[in-house]
C-alpha cells in the first residue's frame, strides 16, 4: 500500500493499471481534484484524477471508499460532468 499523501489524513488506493499495450488510447497526466457522485446521488466522494484518455481515466480514491459501478465524475476545472 502506498504511503499517505502529505497532510491528507488517509491512505490512497491505486487501482491496478492495464498494460500500456492494451490501452485503446494514450493516457495524459492530469493530477486534478474531482468528486465522484453515485448514480442514485446517495453519496459523493472526493478523489484525484491521475490521468485521462479518450476512453478512460485513472482515479485515486481513499482506501476503503465505496465506489459503485456507475457514477458521475466531476473534475475540477471541467465544464461537463463525465458519466462513468
N, C-alpha and C. Protein backbone atom coordinates (compact mmCIF):
# COMPACT_ATOMS: atom_id res chain seq x y z
N UNK A 1 0.84 -1.18 0.00
CA UNK A 1 0.00 0.00 0.00
C UNK A 1 0.88 1.24 0.00
N UNK A 2 0.54 2.24 -0.83
CA UNK A 2 1.36 3.44 -0.90
C UNK A 2 1.30 4.24 0.41
N UNK A 3 2.29 5.07 0.61
CA UNK A 3 2.30 5.95 1.78
C UNK A 3 1.19 6.98 1.66
N UNK A 4 0.68 7.47 2.79
CA UNK A 4 -0.34 8.52 2.73
C UNK A 4 0.20 9.76 2.05
N UNK A 5 -0.68 10.48 1.42
CA UNK A 5 -0.29 11.74 0.81
C UNK A 5 -0.03 12.73 1.95
N UNK A 6 0.91 13.65 1.78
CA UNK A 6 1.21 14.62 2.83
C UNK A 6 -0.04 15.39 3.25
N UNK A 7 -0.28 15.46 4.56
CA UNK A 7 -1.38 16.23 5.14
C UNK A 7 -2.77 15.77 4.70
N UNK A 8 -2.91 14.61 4.09
CA UNK A 8 -4.21 14.16 3.63
C UNK A 8 -5.01 13.53 4.75
N UNK A 9 -4.36 12.86 5.70
CA UNK A 9 -5.08 12.26 6.79
C UNK A 9 -5.57 10.85 6.51
N UNK A 10 -5.34 10.31 5.31
CA UNK A 10 -5.74 8.94 4.99
C UNK A 10 -4.91 8.41 3.85
N UNK A 11 -4.94 7.07 3.71
CA UNK A 11 -4.21 6.41 2.63
C UNK A 11 -5.00 6.48 1.34
N UNK A 12 -4.30 6.37 0.22
CA UNK A 12 -4.93 6.34 -1.10
C UNK A 12 -4.72 4.98 -1.71
N UNK A 13 -5.76 4.42 -2.32
CA UNK A 13 -5.66 3.15 -3.01
C UNK A 13 -5.47 3.41 -4.49
N UNK A 14 -4.45 2.81 -5.08
CA UNK A 14 -4.17 2.97 -6.50
C UNK A 14 -4.60 1.70 -7.20
N UNK A 15 -5.60 1.76 -8.09
CA UNK A 15 -6.08 0.55 -8.76
C UNK A 15 -5.02 -0.04 -9.67
N UNK A 16 -5.09 -1.36 -9.91
CA UNK A 16 -4.15 -1.97 -10.85
C UNK A 16 -4.28 -1.32 -12.22
N UNK A 17 -3.17 -1.15 -12.89
CA UNK A 17 -3.22 -0.50 -14.20
C UNK A 17 -3.22 -1.54 -15.31
N UNK A 18 -3.75 -1.15 -16.44
CA UNK A 18 -3.75 -2.00 -17.62
C UNK A 18 -2.43 -1.80 -18.34
N UNK A 19 -1.86 -2.88 -18.81
CA UNK A 19 -0.58 -2.78 -19.54
C UNK A 19 -0.73 -1.78 -20.68
N UNK A 20 0.28 -0.96 -20.87
CA UNK A 20 0.23 0.11 -21.88
C UNK A 20 -0.18 -0.41 -23.26
N UNK A 21 0.28 -1.59 -23.65
CA UNK A 21 -0.05 -2.13 -24.96
C UNK A 21 -1.51 -2.49 -25.13
N UNK A 22 -2.26 -2.59 -24.04
CA UNK A 22 -3.67 -2.98 -24.12
C UNK A 22 -4.62 -1.78 -24.12
N UNK A 23 -4.12 -0.60 -23.93
CA UNK A 23 -4.98 0.59 -23.89
C UNK A 23 -5.43 0.97 -25.29
N UNK A 24 -6.69 1.44 -25.38
CA UNK A 24 -7.24 1.86 -26.67
C UNK A 24 -6.75 3.24 -27.08
N UNK A 25 -6.37 4.06 -26.11
CA UNK A 25 -5.88 5.41 -26.42
C UNK A 25 -4.87 5.83 -25.37
N UNK A 26 -4.02 6.77 -25.73
CA UNK A 26 -2.94 7.23 -24.85
C UNK A 26 -3.48 8.00 -23.66
N UNK A 27 -2.88 7.76 -22.49
CA UNK A 27 -3.23 8.47 -21.26
C UNK A 27 -2.40 9.74 -21.15
N UNK A 28 -3.00 10.78 -20.58
CA UNK A 28 -2.32 12.06 -20.38
C UNK A 28 -2.37 12.42 -18.90
N UNK A 29 -1.20 12.67 -18.30
CA UNK A 29 -1.10 13.00 -16.90
C UNK A 29 -1.87 14.29 -16.61
N UNK A 30 -2.73 14.27 -15.58
CA UNK A 30 -3.50 15.46 -15.24
C UNK A 30 -3.33 15.86 -13.78
N UNK A 31 -3.46 14.91 -12.87
CA UNK A 31 -3.41 15.14 -11.43
C UNK A 31 -4.32 16.29 -11.03
N UNK A 32 -5.64 16.10 -11.21
CA UNK A 32 -6.65 17.09 -10.85
C UNK A 32 -7.54 16.54 -9.74
N UNK A 33 -8.04 17.43 -8.93
CA UNK A 33 -9.01 17.03 -7.92
C UNK A 33 -10.37 16.87 -8.58
N UNK A 34 -11.20 16.01 -7.98
CA UNK A 34 -12.52 15.75 -8.56
C UNK A 34 -13.45 15.23 -7.47
N UNK A 35 -14.69 14.98 -7.86
CA UNK A 35 -15.69 14.42 -6.96
C UNK A 35 -16.47 13.35 -7.71
N UNK A 36 -16.61 12.19 -7.07
CA UNK A 36 -17.45 11.10 -7.58
C UNK A 36 -18.82 11.25 -6.94
N UNK A 37 -19.86 11.23 -7.76
CA UNK A 37 -21.23 11.27 -7.25
C UNK A 37 -21.93 10.00 -7.71
N UNK A 38 -22.48 9.26 -6.76
CA UNK A 38 -23.16 8.00 -7.06
C UNK A 38 -24.33 8.24 -8.01
N UNK A 39 -24.63 7.22 -8.82
CA UNK A 39 -25.71 7.33 -9.80
C UNK A 39 -27.04 7.69 -9.14
N UNK A 40 -27.27 7.18 -7.93
CA UNK A 40 -28.53 7.49 -7.23
C UNK A 40 -28.38 8.70 -6.30
N UNK A 41 -27.25 9.37 -6.34
CA UNK A 41 -26.95 10.59 -5.59
C UNK A 41 -27.01 10.41 -4.08
N UNK A 42 -26.83 9.16 -3.58
CA UNK A 42 -26.89 8.97 -2.13
C UNK A 42 -25.56 9.27 -1.43
N UNK A 43 -24.48 9.49 -2.21
CA UNK A 43 -23.22 9.91 -1.60
C UNK A 43 -22.32 10.54 -2.66
N UNK A 44 -21.32 11.26 -2.19
CA UNK A 44 -20.27 11.76 -3.07
C UNK A 44 -18.94 11.55 -2.35
N UNK A 45 -17.87 11.58 -3.13
CA UNK A 45 -16.56 11.22 -2.62
C UNK A 45 -15.50 12.07 -3.31
N UNK A 46 -14.63 12.71 -2.54
CA UNK A 46 -13.52 13.44 -3.13
C UNK A 46 -12.50 12.44 -3.64
N UNK A 47 -11.86 12.78 -4.77
CA UNK A 47 -10.88 11.89 -5.38
C UNK A 47 -9.86 12.72 -6.15
N UNK A 48 -8.90 12.02 -6.74
CA UNK A 48 -7.87 12.66 -7.58
C UNK A 48 -7.83 11.91 -8.90
N UNK A 49 -7.86 12.65 -10.00
CA UNK A 49 -7.73 12.06 -11.33
C UNK A 49 -6.26 12.14 -11.70
N UNK A 50 -5.64 10.97 -11.80
CA UNK A 50 -4.21 10.91 -12.09
C UNK A 50 -3.92 11.12 -13.57
N UNK A 51 -4.70 10.43 -14.42
CA UNK A 51 -4.52 10.61 -15.86
C UNK A 51 -5.84 10.32 -16.57
N UNK A 52 -5.95 10.82 -17.79
CA UNK A 52 -7.17 10.63 -18.59
C UNK A 52 -6.80 10.26 -20.01
N UNK A 53 -7.75 9.63 -20.68
CA UNK A 53 -7.62 9.33 -22.10
C UNK A 53 -8.99 9.49 -22.72
N UNK A 54 -9.07 9.24 -23.99
CA UNK A 54 -10.35 9.33 -24.69
C UNK A 54 -11.33 8.26 -24.19
N UNK A 55 -10.80 7.16 -23.65
CA UNK A 55 -11.65 6.04 -23.25
C UNK A 55 -11.65 5.74 -21.77
N UNK A 56 -10.99 6.54 -20.93
CA UNK A 56 -10.97 6.24 -19.51
C UNK A 56 -10.08 7.16 -18.72
N UNK A 57 -9.95 6.82 -17.44
CA UNK A 57 -9.14 7.62 -16.54
C UNK A 57 -8.67 6.75 -15.38
N UNK A 58 -7.60 7.18 -14.74
CA UNK A 58 -7.14 6.56 -13.50
C UNK A 58 -7.54 7.50 -12.38
N UNK A 59 -8.44 7.02 -11.52
CA UNK A 59 -8.97 7.82 -10.43
C UNK A 59 -8.51 7.22 -9.11
N UNK A 60 -7.92 8.05 -8.27
CA UNK A 60 -7.45 7.61 -6.96
C UNK A 60 -8.51 7.96 -5.91
N UNK A 61 -8.88 6.98 -5.09
CA UNK A 61 -9.86 7.20 -4.03
C UNK A 61 -9.25 6.77 -2.70
N UNK A 62 -9.73 7.33 -1.58
CA UNK A 62 -9.21 6.91 -0.28
C UNK A 62 -9.47 5.41 -0.04
N UNK A 63 -8.53 4.75 0.62
CA UNK A 63 -8.65 3.33 0.94
C UNK A 63 -9.97 3.07 1.67
N UNK A 64 -10.66 2.01 1.26
CA UNK A 64 -11.91 1.62 1.90
C UNK A 64 -13.13 2.37 1.40
N UNK A 65 -12.97 3.25 0.42
CA UNK A 65 -14.10 4.00 -0.12
C UNK A 65 -15.02 3.10 -0.91
N UNK A 66 -16.30 3.40 -0.87
CA UNK A 66 -17.30 2.67 -1.64
C UNK A 66 -17.52 3.41 -2.96
N UNK A 67 -17.25 2.73 -4.07
CA UNK A 67 -17.47 3.32 -5.39
C UNK A 67 -18.34 2.35 -6.18
N UNK A 68 -19.49 2.80 -6.61
CA UNK A 68 -20.42 1.98 -7.37
C UNK A 68 -19.90 1.74 -8.79
N UNK A 69 -20.53 0.81 -9.50
CA UNK A 69 -20.15 0.52 -10.88
C UNK A 69 -20.43 1.68 -11.82
N UNK A 70 -21.48 2.45 -11.54
CA UNK A 70 -21.86 3.59 -12.38
C UNK A 70 -21.91 4.84 -11.50
N UNK A 71 -21.25 5.90 -11.96
CA UNK A 71 -21.23 7.15 -11.20
C UNK A 71 -20.93 8.30 -12.15
N UNK A 72 -21.04 9.51 -11.63
CA UNK A 72 -20.70 10.71 -12.39
C UNK A 72 -19.43 11.30 -11.78
N UNK A 73 -18.49 11.66 -12.63
CA UNK A 73 -17.23 12.24 -12.18
C UNK A 73 -17.22 13.72 -12.54
N UNK A 74 -17.06 14.56 -11.54
CA UNK A 74 -16.97 16.00 -11.74
C UNK A 74 -15.51 16.39 -11.49
N UNK A 75 -14.79 16.68 -12.58
CA UNK A 75 -13.38 17.06 -12.47
C UNK A 75 -13.29 18.57 -12.32
N UNK A 76 -12.59 19.02 -11.28
CA UNK A 76 -12.45 20.46 -11.05
C UNK A 76 -11.82 21.13 -12.27
N UNK A 77 -12.48 22.18 -12.76
CA UNK A 77 -11.99 22.92 -13.91
C UNK A 77 -12.63 22.49 -15.23
N UNK A 78 -13.31 21.33 -15.24
CA UNK A 78 -14.01 20.89 -16.46
C UNK A 78 -15.43 21.44 -16.46
N UNK A 79 -15.94 21.77 -17.63
CA UNK A 79 -17.30 22.31 -17.72
C UNK A 79 -18.37 21.23 -17.67
N UNK A 80 -18.07 20.05 -18.14
CA UNK A 80 -19.06 18.98 -18.23
C UNK A 80 -18.75 17.83 -17.29
N UNK A 81 -19.80 17.24 -16.67
CA UNK A 81 -19.59 16.03 -15.87
C UNK A 81 -19.31 14.84 -16.78
N UNK A 82 -18.69 13.80 -16.24
CA UNK A 82 -18.34 12.61 -17.01
C UNK A 82 -19.10 11.41 -16.46
N UNK A 83 -19.89 10.75 -17.29
CA UNK A 83 -20.59 9.53 -16.88
C UNK A 83 -19.60 8.38 -16.91
N UNK A 84 -19.53 7.64 -15.83
CA UNK A 84 -18.58 6.54 -15.72
C UNK A 84 -19.32 5.25 -15.35
